[in-house]
N, C-alpha and C. Protein backbone atom coordinates (compact mmCIF):
# COMPACT_ATOMS: atom_id res chain seq x y z
N MET A 1 -66.23 -4.78 49.43
CA MET A 1 -66.95 -4.05 50.48
C MET A 1 -68.43 -3.91 50.14
N SER A 2 -68.75 -3.76 48.83
CA SER A 2 -70.14 -3.62 48.42
C SER A 2 -70.97 -4.84 48.79
N GLU A 3 -70.29 -6.06 48.77
CA GLU A 3 -71.03 -7.28 49.07
C GLU A 3 -71.61 -7.25 50.47
N GLN A 4 -71.00 -6.50 51.37
CA GLN A 4 -71.41 -6.49 52.76
C GLN A 4 -72.33 -5.31 53.09
N LEU A 5 -72.62 -4.48 52.11
CA LEU A 5 -73.41 -3.30 52.37
C LEU A 5 -74.86 -3.68 52.70
N ASP A 6 -75.35 -3.18 53.82
CA ASP A 6 -76.73 -3.42 54.24
C ASP A 6 -77.58 -2.23 53.80
N VAL A 7 -78.20 -2.34 52.64
CA VAL A 7 -78.97 -1.23 52.08
C VAL A 7 -80.17 -0.91 52.96
N THR A 8 -80.80 -1.93 53.51
CA THR A 8 -81.96 -1.69 54.37
C THR A 8 -81.61 -0.77 55.53
N ARG A 9 -80.45 -0.99 56.13
CA ARG A 9 -80.03 -0.18 57.27
C ARG A 9 -79.88 1.29 56.90
N LEU A 10 -79.46 1.56 55.67
CA LEU A 10 -79.23 2.94 55.25
C LEU A 10 -80.50 3.78 55.23
N PHE A 11 -81.65 3.12 55.17
CA PHE A 11 -82.93 3.85 55.08
C PHE A 11 -83.91 3.46 56.19
N THR A 12 -83.43 2.75 57.19
CA THR A 12 -84.26 2.40 58.34
C THR A 12 -83.92 3.34 59.49
N ARG A 13 -84.89 4.11 59.91
CA ARG A 13 -84.65 5.15 60.89
C ARG A 13 -84.53 4.57 62.30
N SER A 14 -84.10 5.41 63.22
CA SER A 14 -83.86 4.96 64.59
C SER A 14 -85.13 4.47 65.27
N ASP A 15 -86.31 4.88 64.77
CA ASP A 15 -87.57 4.39 65.34
C ASP A 15 -88.03 3.09 64.69
N GLY A 16 -87.23 2.55 63.77
CA GLY A 16 -87.56 1.29 63.12
C GLY A 16 -88.32 1.41 61.82
N SER A 17 -88.74 2.61 61.46
CA SER A 17 -89.50 2.80 60.22
C SER A 17 -88.56 2.91 59.02
N TYR A 18 -89.05 2.46 57.88
CA TYR A 18 -88.29 2.55 56.63
C TYR A 18 -88.78 3.78 55.87
N ALA A 19 -87.85 4.61 55.40
CA ALA A 19 -88.22 5.81 54.65
C ALA A 19 -87.15 6.13 53.62
N PHE A 20 -87.57 6.13 52.37
CA PHE A 20 -86.70 6.49 51.26
C PHE A 20 -87.36 7.62 50.48
N ALA A 21 -86.56 8.60 50.07
CA ALA A 21 -87.07 9.65 49.18
C ALA A 21 -85.90 10.20 48.37
N ARG A 22 -86.22 10.61 47.15
CA ARG A 22 -85.21 11.22 46.28
C ARG A 22 -85.82 12.48 45.65
N TRP A 23 -84.97 13.25 45.04
CA TRP A 23 -85.45 14.43 44.31
C TRP A 23 -86.16 13.99 43.04
N ASN A 24 -87.19 14.75 42.69
CA ASN A 24 -87.92 14.48 41.45
C ASN A 24 -88.00 15.74 40.60
N ARG A 25 -87.13 16.68 40.91
CA ARG A 25 -87.09 17.96 40.21
C ARG A 25 -85.64 18.44 40.19
N PRO A 26 -85.28 19.33 39.27
CA PRO A 26 -83.92 19.87 39.27
C PRO A 26 -83.60 20.56 40.60
N ILE A 27 -82.36 20.44 41.02
CA ILE A 27 -81.91 21.02 42.28
C ILE A 27 -81.36 22.42 42.01
N ALA A 28 -81.94 23.41 42.70
CA ALA A 28 -81.52 24.80 42.54
C ALA A 28 -80.90 25.26 43.86
N PRO A 29 -79.56 25.22 43.96
CA PRO A 29 -78.92 25.53 45.24
C PRO A 29 -78.58 27.00 45.41
N VAL A 30 -78.51 27.42 46.67
CA VAL A 30 -77.99 28.74 47.01
C VAL A 30 -77.22 28.58 48.32
N VAL A 31 -76.14 29.34 48.46
CA VAL A 31 -75.25 29.18 49.62
C VAL A 31 -75.08 30.54 50.29
N PHE A 32 -75.28 30.58 51.61
CA PHE A 32 -75.17 31.81 52.38
C PHE A 32 -74.03 31.71 53.40
N GLY A 33 -73.39 32.84 53.65
CA GLY A 33 -72.47 32.94 54.77
C GLY A 33 -71.02 32.63 54.50
N VAL A 34 -70.66 32.41 53.24
CA VAL A 34 -69.27 32.12 52.92
C VAL A 34 -68.84 32.90 51.68
N GLU A 35 -67.53 32.91 51.43
CA GLU A 35 -66.99 33.62 50.29
C GLU A 35 -67.23 32.83 49.00
N ASP A 36 -67.03 33.50 47.88
CA ASP A 36 -67.32 32.90 46.58
C ASP A 36 -66.54 31.61 46.35
N GLN A 37 -65.32 31.54 46.88
CA GLN A 37 -64.51 30.34 46.68
C GLN A 37 -65.17 29.12 47.31
N THR A 38 -65.74 29.30 48.49
CA THR A 38 -66.42 28.19 49.16
C THR A 38 -67.74 27.87 48.47
N VAL A 39 -68.44 28.90 48.00
CA VAL A 39 -69.67 28.67 47.23
C VAL A 39 -69.37 27.78 46.03
N ALA A 40 -68.25 28.05 45.36
CA ALA A 40 -67.86 27.25 44.19
C ALA A 40 -67.58 25.80 44.59
N LEU A 41 -66.94 25.60 45.74
CA LEU A 41 -66.66 24.24 46.22
C LEU A 41 -67.96 23.48 46.50
N VAL A 42 -68.91 24.17 47.12
CA VAL A 42 -70.20 23.54 47.42
C VAL A 42 -70.90 23.14 46.12
N LYS A 43 -70.92 24.03 45.16
CA LYS A 43 -71.63 23.73 43.92
C LYS A 43 -70.91 22.65 43.11
N ASP A 44 -69.58 22.61 43.19
CA ASP A 44 -68.85 21.52 42.53
C ASP A 44 -69.19 20.18 43.16
N ALA A 45 -69.27 20.15 44.50
CA ALA A 45 -69.63 18.91 45.20
C ALA A 45 -71.05 18.47 44.83
N LEU A 46 -71.96 19.43 44.80
CA LEU A 46 -73.34 19.11 44.42
C LEU A 46 -73.41 18.60 42.99
N GLN A 47 -72.64 19.21 42.11
CA GLN A 47 -72.65 18.78 40.71
C GLN A 47 -72.15 17.35 40.58
N ALA A 48 -71.10 17.03 41.33
CA ALA A 48 -70.54 15.68 41.27
C ALA A 48 -71.55 14.64 41.74
N VAL A 49 -72.24 14.93 42.84
CA VAL A 49 -73.20 13.98 43.38
C VAL A 49 -74.46 13.93 42.51
N ALA A 50 -74.91 15.08 42.03
CA ALA A 50 -76.10 15.12 41.18
C ALA A 50 -75.86 14.36 39.88
N THR A 51 -74.63 14.38 39.38
CA THR A 51 -74.30 13.64 38.16
C THR A 51 -74.48 12.14 38.38
N LEU A 52 -74.11 11.65 39.56
CA LEU A 52 -74.33 10.23 39.88
C LEU A 52 -75.82 9.88 39.79
N ALA A 53 -76.65 10.81 40.25
CA ALA A 53 -78.10 10.60 40.27
C ALA A 53 -78.76 10.96 38.94
N ASN A 54 -77.97 11.47 38.00
CA ASN A 54 -78.52 11.94 36.72
C ASN A 54 -79.58 13.01 36.95
N MET A 55 -79.31 13.86 37.97
CA MET A 55 -80.20 14.96 38.30
C MET A 55 -79.56 16.28 37.90
N PRO A 56 -80.25 17.13 37.16
CA PRO A 56 -79.66 18.40 36.77
C PRO A 56 -79.68 19.42 37.90
N LEU A 57 -78.70 20.31 37.89
CA LEU A 57 -78.74 21.48 38.75
C LEU A 57 -79.35 22.62 37.95
N ALA A 58 -80.09 23.50 38.63
CA ALA A 58 -80.77 24.60 37.95
C ALA A 58 -80.46 25.90 38.66
N GLU A 59 -80.67 26.99 37.96
CA GLU A 59 -80.47 28.32 38.56
C GLU A 59 -81.59 28.65 39.53
N THR A 60 -82.81 28.25 39.18
CA THR A 60 -83.96 28.57 40.04
C THR A 60 -84.96 27.43 40.02
N ASP A 61 -85.76 27.36 41.08
CA ASP A 61 -86.90 26.45 41.16
C ASP A 61 -88.15 27.30 40.95
N PRO A 62 -89.08 26.87 40.09
CA PRO A 62 -90.24 27.71 39.78
C PRO A 62 -91.12 28.03 40.99
N GLU A 63 -91.10 27.18 42.02
CA GLU A 63 -91.93 27.42 43.19
C GLU A 63 -91.20 28.19 44.29
N LEU A 64 -89.97 27.79 44.56
CA LEU A 64 -89.25 28.32 45.73
C LEU A 64 -88.12 29.28 45.38
N GLY A 65 -87.78 29.37 44.13
CA GLY A 65 -86.61 30.15 43.76
C GLY A 65 -85.36 29.31 43.91
N ALA A 66 -85.03 28.96 45.15
CA ALA A 66 -83.98 27.99 45.46
C ALA A 66 -84.60 26.90 46.30
N ASN A 67 -84.30 25.64 45.98
CA ASN A 67 -84.89 24.54 46.75
C ASN A 67 -83.86 23.77 47.56
N MET A 68 -82.59 24.17 47.47
CA MET A 68 -81.57 23.64 48.37
C MET A 68 -80.77 24.82 48.90
N MET A 69 -80.92 25.10 50.19
CA MET A 69 -80.29 26.26 50.80
C MET A 69 -79.27 25.81 51.84
N TRP A 70 -78.05 26.32 51.68
CA TRP A 70 -76.97 26.04 52.61
C TRP A 70 -76.68 27.29 53.43
N PHE A 71 -76.63 27.13 54.72
CA PHE A 71 -76.33 28.25 55.62
C PHE A 71 -75.07 27.92 56.43
N PHE A 72 -74.03 28.73 56.26
CA PHE A 72 -72.83 28.63 57.09
C PHE A 72 -72.90 29.76 58.12
N LEU A 73 -72.71 29.44 59.39
CA LEU A 73 -72.82 30.46 60.42
C LEU A 73 -71.91 30.13 61.60
N ARG A 74 -71.79 31.12 62.51
CA ARG A 74 -70.95 30.94 63.70
C ARG A 74 -71.79 30.60 64.93
N ASP A 75 -73.04 31.02 64.90
CA ASP A 75 -73.92 30.78 66.04
C ASP A 75 -75.32 30.53 65.52
N TRP A 76 -76.04 29.60 66.15
CA TRP A 76 -77.38 29.26 65.68
C TRP A 76 -78.32 30.46 65.72
N SER A 77 -78.08 31.40 66.61
CA SER A 77 -78.97 32.56 66.72
C SER A 77 -78.95 33.41 65.45
N GLU A 78 -77.92 33.26 64.61
CA GLU A 78 -77.85 34.02 63.36
C GLU A 78 -79.01 33.69 62.43
N LEU A 79 -79.59 32.51 62.59
CA LEU A 79 -80.70 32.11 61.71
C LEU A 79 -81.91 33.00 61.90
N THR A 80 -82.06 33.59 63.08
CA THR A 80 -83.21 34.46 63.32
C THR A 80 -83.14 35.74 62.50
N ALA A 81 -81.94 36.07 62.03
CA ALA A 81 -81.76 37.30 61.25
C ALA A 81 -81.93 37.08 59.75
N THR A 82 -82.16 35.83 59.35
CA THR A 82 -82.32 35.53 57.92
C THR A 82 -83.75 35.86 57.49
N PRO A 83 -83.93 36.82 56.59
CA PRO A 83 -85.29 37.25 56.21
C PRO A 83 -86.13 36.10 55.67
N ASP A 84 -87.34 35.99 56.19
CA ASP A 84 -88.37 35.05 55.71
C ASP A 84 -88.03 33.57 55.92
N LEU A 85 -86.93 33.28 56.61
CA LEU A 85 -86.60 31.87 56.83
C LEU A 85 -87.66 31.19 57.68
N ASP A 86 -88.25 31.95 58.60
CA ASP A 86 -89.30 31.37 59.44
C ASP A 86 -90.57 31.05 58.65
N GLN A 87 -90.71 31.63 57.45
CA GLN A 87 -91.84 31.29 56.60
C GLN A 87 -91.62 29.93 55.94
N LEU A 88 -90.36 29.62 55.64
CA LEU A 88 -90.01 28.34 55.04
C LEU A 88 -89.91 27.24 56.08
N ILE A 89 -89.49 27.64 57.29
CA ILE A 89 -89.30 26.68 58.38
C ILE A 89 -90.07 27.20 59.59
N PRO A 90 -91.37 26.94 59.67
CA PRO A 90 -92.19 27.49 60.76
C PRO A 90 -91.70 27.09 62.15
N GLU A 91 -91.05 25.93 62.26
CA GLU A 91 -90.58 25.47 63.57
C GLU A 91 -89.21 26.03 63.93
N LEU A 92 -88.76 27.06 63.20
CA LEU A 92 -87.40 27.58 63.37
C LEU A 92 -87.05 27.96 64.81
N PRO A 93 -87.88 28.72 65.55
CA PRO A 93 -87.49 29.08 66.93
C PRO A 93 -87.23 27.87 67.82
N ASP A 94 -88.11 26.87 67.74
CA ASP A 94 -87.91 25.67 68.54
C ASP A 94 -86.67 24.91 68.09
N LEU A 95 -86.44 24.90 66.77
CA LEU A 95 -85.28 24.20 66.24
C LEU A 95 -84.00 24.84 66.74
N ILE A 96 -83.92 26.16 66.72
CA ILE A 96 -82.73 26.85 67.19
C ILE A 96 -82.46 26.52 68.66
N THR A 97 -83.51 26.51 69.45
CA THR A 97 -83.36 26.17 70.87
C THR A 97 -82.79 24.77 71.04
N ARG A 98 -83.30 23.81 70.25
CA ARG A 98 -82.82 22.43 70.35
C ARG A 98 -81.37 22.30 69.91
N LEU A 99 -81.02 22.98 68.84
CA LEU A 99 -79.65 22.90 68.33
C LEU A 99 -78.67 23.52 69.32
N GLN A 100 -79.06 24.63 69.93
CA GLN A 100 -78.20 25.27 70.93
C GLN A 100 -78.02 24.36 72.15
N ALA A 101 -79.12 23.76 72.60
CA ALA A 101 -79.05 22.89 73.78
C ALA A 101 -78.19 21.66 73.52
N ALA A 102 -78.23 21.16 72.28
CA ALA A 102 -77.47 19.96 71.94
C ALA A 102 -76.02 20.24 71.60
N GLY A 103 -75.67 21.53 71.42
CA GLY A 103 -74.32 21.87 70.99
C GLY A 103 -74.03 21.36 69.58
N ALA A 104 -75.06 21.25 68.76
CA ALA A 104 -74.92 20.70 67.41
C ALA A 104 -74.13 21.65 66.52
N ASN A 105 -73.46 21.08 65.54
CA ASN A 105 -72.77 21.92 64.57
C ASN A 105 -73.25 21.69 63.13
N GLN A 106 -74.15 20.73 62.92
CA GLN A 106 -74.69 20.47 61.59
C GLN A 106 -76.14 19.99 61.72
N TYR A 107 -76.95 20.34 60.71
CA TYR A 107 -78.34 19.89 60.73
C TYR A 107 -78.91 20.04 59.32
N ARG A 108 -79.82 19.14 58.97
CA ARG A 108 -80.51 19.20 57.67
C ARG A 108 -82.01 19.03 57.87
N ILE A 109 -82.78 19.76 57.09
CA ILE A 109 -84.23 19.62 57.09
C ILE A 109 -84.68 19.38 55.65
N PHE A 110 -85.57 18.43 55.47
CA PHE A 110 -86.15 18.17 54.15
C PHE A 110 -87.62 18.57 54.14
N ARG A 111 -88.07 19.00 52.97
CA ARG A 111 -89.48 19.20 52.71
C ARG A 111 -89.87 18.32 51.53
N PHE A 112 -91.12 17.88 51.47
CA PHE A 112 -91.51 16.87 50.50
C PHE A 112 -92.73 17.29 49.69
N ASP A 113 -92.78 16.81 48.45
CA ASP A 113 -93.95 16.99 47.60
C ASP A 113 -95.07 16.08 48.09
N PRO A 114 -96.30 16.30 47.62
CA PRO A 114 -97.41 15.42 48.02
C PRO A 114 -97.15 13.94 47.74
N ASP A 115 -96.35 13.65 46.69
CA ASP A 115 -96.06 12.24 46.38
C ASP A 115 -94.91 11.69 47.19
N GLY A 116 -94.33 12.51 48.09
CA GLY A 116 -93.26 12.04 48.96
C GLY A 116 -91.87 12.30 48.46
N ALA A 117 -91.70 12.78 47.23
CA ALA A 117 -90.37 13.11 46.72
C ALA A 117 -89.84 14.35 47.44
N ILE A 118 -88.51 14.49 47.45
CA ILE A 118 -87.91 15.65 48.10
C ILE A 118 -88.24 16.91 47.31
N ARG A 119 -88.76 17.89 48.01
CA ARG A 119 -89.11 19.18 47.40
C ARG A 119 -88.07 20.24 47.70
N ALA A 120 -87.48 20.17 48.90
CA ALA A 120 -86.49 21.16 49.30
C ALA A 120 -85.62 20.58 50.41
N CYS A 121 -84.43 21.13 50.54
CA CYS A 121 -83.52 20.72 51.60
C CYS A 121 -82.80 21.95 52.14
N PHE A 122 -82.73 22.05 53.46
CA PHE A 122 -82.03 23.15 54.13
C PHE A 122 -80.86 22.55 54.90
N VAL A 123 -79.67 23.03 54.60
CA VAL A 123 -78.45 22.53 55.24
C VAL A 123 -77.88 23.63 56.13
N PHE A 124 -77.73 23.33 57.41
CA PHE A 124 -77.20 24.30 58.37
C PHE A 124 -75.86 23.81 58.91
N ILE A 125 -74.85 24.65 58.82
CA ILE A 125 -73.50 24.27 59.26
C ILE A 125 -72.96 25.37 60.18
N ARG A 126 -72.80 25.04 61.44
CA ARG A 126 -72.22 26.00 62.40
C ARG A 126 -70.72 25.71 62.49
N MET A 127 -69.92 26.67 62.06
CA MET A 127 -68.48 26.47 61.97
C MET A 127 -67.82 26.63 63.33
N ASP A 128 -67.87 25.56 64.12
CA ASP A 128 -67.19 25.58 65.41
C ASP A 128 -65.75 25.09 65.24
N ALA A 129 -65.03 24.92 66.34
CA ALA A 129 -63.62 24.53 66.27
C ALA A 129 -63.45 23.18 65.59
N GLN A 130 -64.39 22.28 65.82
CA GLN A 130 -64.29 20.94 65.21
C GLN A 130 -64.38 21.01 63.70
N LEU A 131 -65.37 21.73 63.18
CA LEU A 131 -65.56 21.81 61.74
C LEU A 131 -64.51 22.69 61.07
N ALA A 132 -63.92 23.61 61.83
CA ALA A 132 -62.89 24.48 61.26
C ALA A 132 -61.69 23.68 60.77
N ASP A 133 -61.50 22.48 61.33
CA ASP A 133 -60.38 21.63 60.93
C ASP A 133 -60.71 20.73 59.75
N VAL A 134 -61.95 20.75 59.31
CA VAL A 134 -62.37 19.90 58.18
C VAL A 134 -62.20 20.69 56.88
N PRO A 135 -61.50 20.14 55.89
CA PRO A 135 -61.36 20.84 54.61
C PRO A 135 -62.73 21.18 54.02
N ALA A 136 -62.82 22.35 53.43
CA ALA A 136 -64.11 22.82 52.92
C ALA A 136 -64.68 21.88 51.86
N ASP A 137 -63.82 21.32 51.00
CA ASP A 137 -64.34 20.43 49.96
C ASP A 137 -64.87 19.12 50.55
N THR A 138 -64.25 18.66 51.64
CA THR A 138 -64.74 17.46 52.32
C THR A 138 -66.09 17.72 52.97
N LEU A 139 -66.21 18.85 53.64
CA LEU A 139 -67.47 19.22 54.28
C LEU A 139 -68.58 19.34 53.25
N ALA A 140 -68.27 19.99 52.12
CA ALA A 140 -69.26 20.18 51.07
C ALA A 140 -69.70 18.85 50.47
N LEU A 141 -68.74 17.97 50.20
CA LEU A 141 -69.08 16.69 49.59
C LEU A 141 -69.92 15.83 50.54
N GLY A 142 -69.57 15.84 51.82
CA GLY A 142 -70.34 15.06 52.79
C GLY A 142 -71.79 15.49 52.85
N HIS A 143 -72.04 16.79 52.87
CA HIS A 143 -73.41 17.27 52.94
C HIS A 143 -74.13 17.09 51.61
N ALA A 144 -73.41 17.20 50.51
CA ALA A 144 -74.04 16.97 49.20
C ALA A 144 -74.56 15.54 49.12
N VAL A 145 -73.75 14.59 49.58
CA VAL A 145 -74.16 13.18 49.58
C VAL A 145 -75.39 12.97 50.45
N GLN A 146 -75.39 13.59 51.62
CA GLN A 146 -76.49 13.36 52.56
C GLN A 146 -77.74 14.16 52.21
N SER A 147 -77.64 15.01 51.19
CA SER A 147 -78.79 15.80 50.75
C SER A 147 -79.43 15.26 49.47
N ILE A 148 -78.76 14.32 48.82
CA ILE A 148 -79.28 13.83 47.53
C ILE A 148 -80.35 12.76 47.72
N LEU A 149 -80.35 12.11 48.88
CA LEU A 149 -81.38 11.13 49.25
C LEU A 149 -81.78 11.36 50.70
N LEU A 150 -82.95 10.86 51.07
CA LEU A 150 -83.34 10.87 52.47
C LEU A 150 -82.79 9.59 53.11
N TRP A 151 -81.57 9.68 53.62
CA TRP A 151 -80.95 8.55 54.30
C TRP A 151 -81.54 8.43 55.70
N SER A 152 -81.32 7.29 56.32
CA SER A 152 -81.69 7.12 57.73
C SER A 152 -80.93 8.12 58.59
N ASP A 153 -81.51 8.49 59.71
CA ASP A 153 -80.83 9.39 60.64
C ASP A 153 -79.62 8.72 61.29
N THR A 154 -79.49 7.40 61.13
CA THR A 154 -78.34 6.69 61.69
C THR A 154 -77.44 6.09 60.60
N ALA A 155 -77.72 6.38 59.34
CA ALA A 155 -77.02 5.73 58.22
C ALA A 155 -75.51 5.87 58.32
N PHE A 156 -75.05 7.07 58.70
CA PHE A 156 -73.61 7.32 58.70
C PHE A 156 -73.09 7.65 60.10
N ALA A 157 -73.80 7.14 61.10
CA ALA A 157 -73.39 7.41 62.48
C ALA A 157 -72.08 6.73 62.82
N GLN A 158 -71.84 5.56 62.23
CA GLN A 158 -70.63 4.80 62.53
C GLN A 158 -69.58 4.89 61.42
N THR A 159 -70.03 5.01 60.19
CA THR A 159 -69.12 5.04 59.04
C THR A 159 -69.48 6.18 58.12
N SER A 160 -68.52 7.03 57.82
CA SER A 160 -68.76 8.17 56.94
C SER A 160 -69.03 7.69 55.51
N PRO A 161 -69.83 8.45 54.76
CA PRO A 161 -70.01 8.12 53.34
C PRO A 161 -68.76 8.43 52.51
N LEU A 162 -67.80 9.10 53.13
CA LEU A 162 -66.56 9.48 52.44
C LEU A 162 -65.39 8.64 52.94
N ALA A 163 -64.32 8.64 52.14
CA ALA A 163 -63.11 7.92 52.52
C ALA A 163 -61.90 8.70 52.04
N ILE A 164 -60.79 8.52 52.72
CA ILE A 164 -59.51 9.08 52.30
C ILE A 164 -58.71 7.97 51.64
N VAL A 165 -58.49 8.10 50.35
CA VAL A 165 -57.79 7.05 49.60
C VAL A 165 -56.28 7.14 49.83
N GLN A 166 -55.78 8.35 49.90
CA GLN A 166 -54.34 8.57 50.06
C GLN A 166 -54.11 9.54 51.21
N THR A 167 -53.18 9.23 52.09
CA THR A 167 -52.89 10.09 53.23
C THR A 167 -52.59 11.51 52.77
N GLY A 168 -53.33 12.44 53.34
CA GLY A 168 -53.14 13.84 52.95
C GLY A 168 -53.90 14.23 51.71
N GLY A 169 -54.55 13.26 51.08
CA GLY A 169 -55.30 13.54 49.86
C GLY A 169 -56.73 13.95 50.16
N PRO A 170 -57.48 14.30 49.14
CA PRO A 170 -58.86 14.73 49.34
C PRO A 170 -59.78 13.55 49.68
N ALA A 171 -60.87 13.85 50.34
CA ALA A 171 -61.88 12.83 50.61
C ALA A 171 -62.65 12.53 49.34
N VAL A 172 -63.03 11.28 49.18
CA VAL A 172 -63.81 10.86 48.02
C VAL A 172 -65.03 10.09 48.51
N LEU A 173 -66.03 10.03 47.68
CA LEU A 173 -67.24 9.27 48.01
C LEU A 173 -66.93 7.78 47.95
N ARG A 174 -67.32 7.06 48.98
CA ARG A 174 -67.13 5.61 48.98
C ARG A 174 -67.90 5.00 47.80
N PRO A 175 -67.28 4.13 47.03
CA PRO A 175 -67.93 3.62 45.81
C PRO A 175 -69.24 2.90 46.07
N GLU A 176 -69.36 2.20 47.20
CA GLU A 176 -70.61 1.49 47.46
C GLU A 176 -71.75 2.46 47.75
N ILE A 177 -71.44 3.64 48.30
CA ILE A 177 -72.47 4.65 48.53
C ILE A 177 -72.85 5.31 47.20
N ALA A 178 -71.86 5.51 46.34
CA ALA A 178 -72.15 6.03 45.00
C ALA A 178 -73.08 5.07 44.25
N ASP A 179 -72.85 3.76 44.42
CA ASP A 179 -73.71 2.77 43.76
C ASP A 179 -75.15 2.86 44.27
N VAL A 180 -75.32 3.09 45.57
CA VAL A 180 -76.67 3.20 46.14
C VAL A 180 -77.37 4.44 45.58
N ILE A 181 -76.63 5.54 45.45
CA ILE A 181 -77.22 6.76 44.89
C ILE A 181 -77.70 6.50 43.46
N ARG A 182 -76.84 5.88 42.65
CA ARG A 182 -77.24 5.57 41.27
C ARG A 182 -78.49 4.68 41.26
N ALA A 183 -78.48 3.66 42.09
CA ALA A 183 -79.62 2.74 42.13
C ALA A 183 -80.88 3.44 42.60
N GLY A 184 -80.74 4.35 43.56
CA GLY A 184 -81.89 5.05 44.10
C GLY A 184 -82.60 5.92 43.09
N TYR A 185 -81.86 6.33 42.05
CA TYR A 185 -82.45 7.19 41.02
C TYR A 185 -82.82 6.41 39.75
N ALA A 186 -82.84 5.09 39.85
CA ALA A 186 -83.27 4.28 38.71
C ALA A 186 -84.71 4.64 38.34
N ALA A 187 -84.97 4.81 37.07
CA ALA A 187 -86.29 5.25 36.61
C ALA A 187 -87.39 4.27 37.02
N ALA A 188 -87.05 3.00 37.16
CA ALA A 188 -88.07 2.00 37.49
C ALA A 188 -88.49 2.03 38.95
N LEU A 189 -87.73 2.74 39.78
CA LEU A 189 -88.03 2.78 41.21
C LEU A 189 -88.82 4.04 41.56
N PRO A 190 -89.63 3.98 42.61
CA PRO A 190 -90.41 5.16 43.01
C PRO A 190 -89.55 6.23 43.66
N ALA A 191 -90.04 7.45 43.66
CA ALA A 191 -89.31 8.55 44.29
C ALA A 191 -89.47 8.53 45.80
N HIS A 192 -90.41 7.73 46.29
CA HIS A 192 -90.67 7.67 47.73
C HIS A 192 -91.12 6.26 48.08
N ALA A 193 -90.64 5.74 49.20
CA ALA A 193 -91.04 4.40 49.62
C ALA A 193 -90.98 4.30 51.13
N THR A 194 -91.93 3.57 51.70
CA THR A 194 -91.94 3.34 53.15
C THR A 194 -91.97 1.86 53.49
N ASP A 195 -91.94 1.01 52.48
CA ASP A 195 -91.91 -0.43 52.69
C ASP A 195 -90.48 -0.92 52.51
N ALA A 196 -89.98 -1.70 53.46
CA ALA A 196 -88.58 -2.15 53.43
C ALA A 196 -88.28 -3.04 52.23
N SER A 197 -89.30 -3.56 51.56
CA SER A 197 -89.05 -4.36 50.35
C SER A 197 -88.39 -3.51 49.27
N HIS A 198 -88.56 -2.20 49.37
CA HIS A 198 -87.90 -1.28 48.44
C HIS A 198 -86.38 -1.46 48.49
N ALA A 199 -85.84 -1.72 49.68
CA ALA A 199 -84.39 -1.90 49.81
C ALA A 199 -83.90 -3.10 49.01
N LEU A 200 -84.73 -4.13 48.89
CA LEU A 200 -84.35 -5.29 48.09
C LEU A 200 -84.25 -4.92 46.61
N ARG A 201 -85.12 -4.04 46.17
CA ARG A 201 -85.07 -3.59 44.78
C ARG A 201 -83.81 -2.73 44.55
N LEU A 202 -83.45 -1.93 45.56
CA LEU A 202 -82.20 -1.18 45.47
C LEU A 202 -81.01 -2.14 45.41
N GLN A 203 -81.01 -3.10 46.34
CA GLN A 203 -79.90 -4.05 46.43
C GLN A 203 -79.70 -4.78 45.10
N ALA A 204 -80.79 -5.13 44.44
CA ALA A 204 -80.71 -5.87 43.19
C ALA A 204 -80.06 -5.07 42.07
N ARG A 205 -80.03 -3.75 42.22
CA ARG A 205 -79.46 -2.89 41.19
C ARG A 205 -78.00 -2.52 41.47
N LEU A 206 -77.45 -2.98 42.57
CA LEU A 206 -76.05 -2.70 42.87
C LEU A 206 -75.15 -3.59 42.04
N PRO A 207 -73.97 -3.10 41.66
CA PRO A 207 -73.06 -3.92 40.85
C PRO A 207 -72.74 -5.27 41.50
N SER A 208 -72.66 -5.31 42.82
CA SER A 208 -72.34 -6.56 43.51
C SER A 208 -73.40 -7.63 43.28
N ALA A 209 -74.65 -7.20 43.04
CA ALA A 209 -75.74 -8.15 42.86
C ALA A 209 -75.71 -8.77 41.45
N ARG A 210 -74.96 -8.15 40.54
CA ARG A 210 -74.92 -8.62 39.17
C ARG A 210 -73.68 -9.45 38.87
N ARG A 211 -72.84 -9.66 39.91
CA ARG A 211 -71.62 -10.43 39.69
C ARG A 211 -71.88 -11.92 39.75
């Protein structure tokens, strides 16, 4: 399956532009709106994905305190009650309006350092009837994967980054996506790229390219 993976597509946005970014600092997560058991599942998922990237998790970020924030909620309007969130996300009122109009149940926002590396990520999950049927560990792993790199907005529109290996079993990260994450964090590659030739450098580091 890895032989057929189109790495360029994973980072080419719907407007045709190429955009890649990765974290260049330890990830300091915080989770709001769920019980401790779910917080533990989220952090376990983040730890698993961060290990692939050889990125450490931290208790705090020196600038932001937490640089990866997860919000679980029942209605998008709940975001207006989160203290100081509008300071971190100035476009919050307009964003809430758009999410409500679209009937969305998930959304992510990234912030970037001057060099283009990921500085922060905000994950919003509205637990509607559809998501209520998704196991918490699957939901956590899916968002952890999509938060470790700046993937294209269409990267997983047709195919999930996760797979079910055994009926009734837990979801696991597809191995070819795990390979891309590892390659994306190679020390020789930049933390940010906008030229599609970068995808060729990623492709060359996949196990399939070395066979």
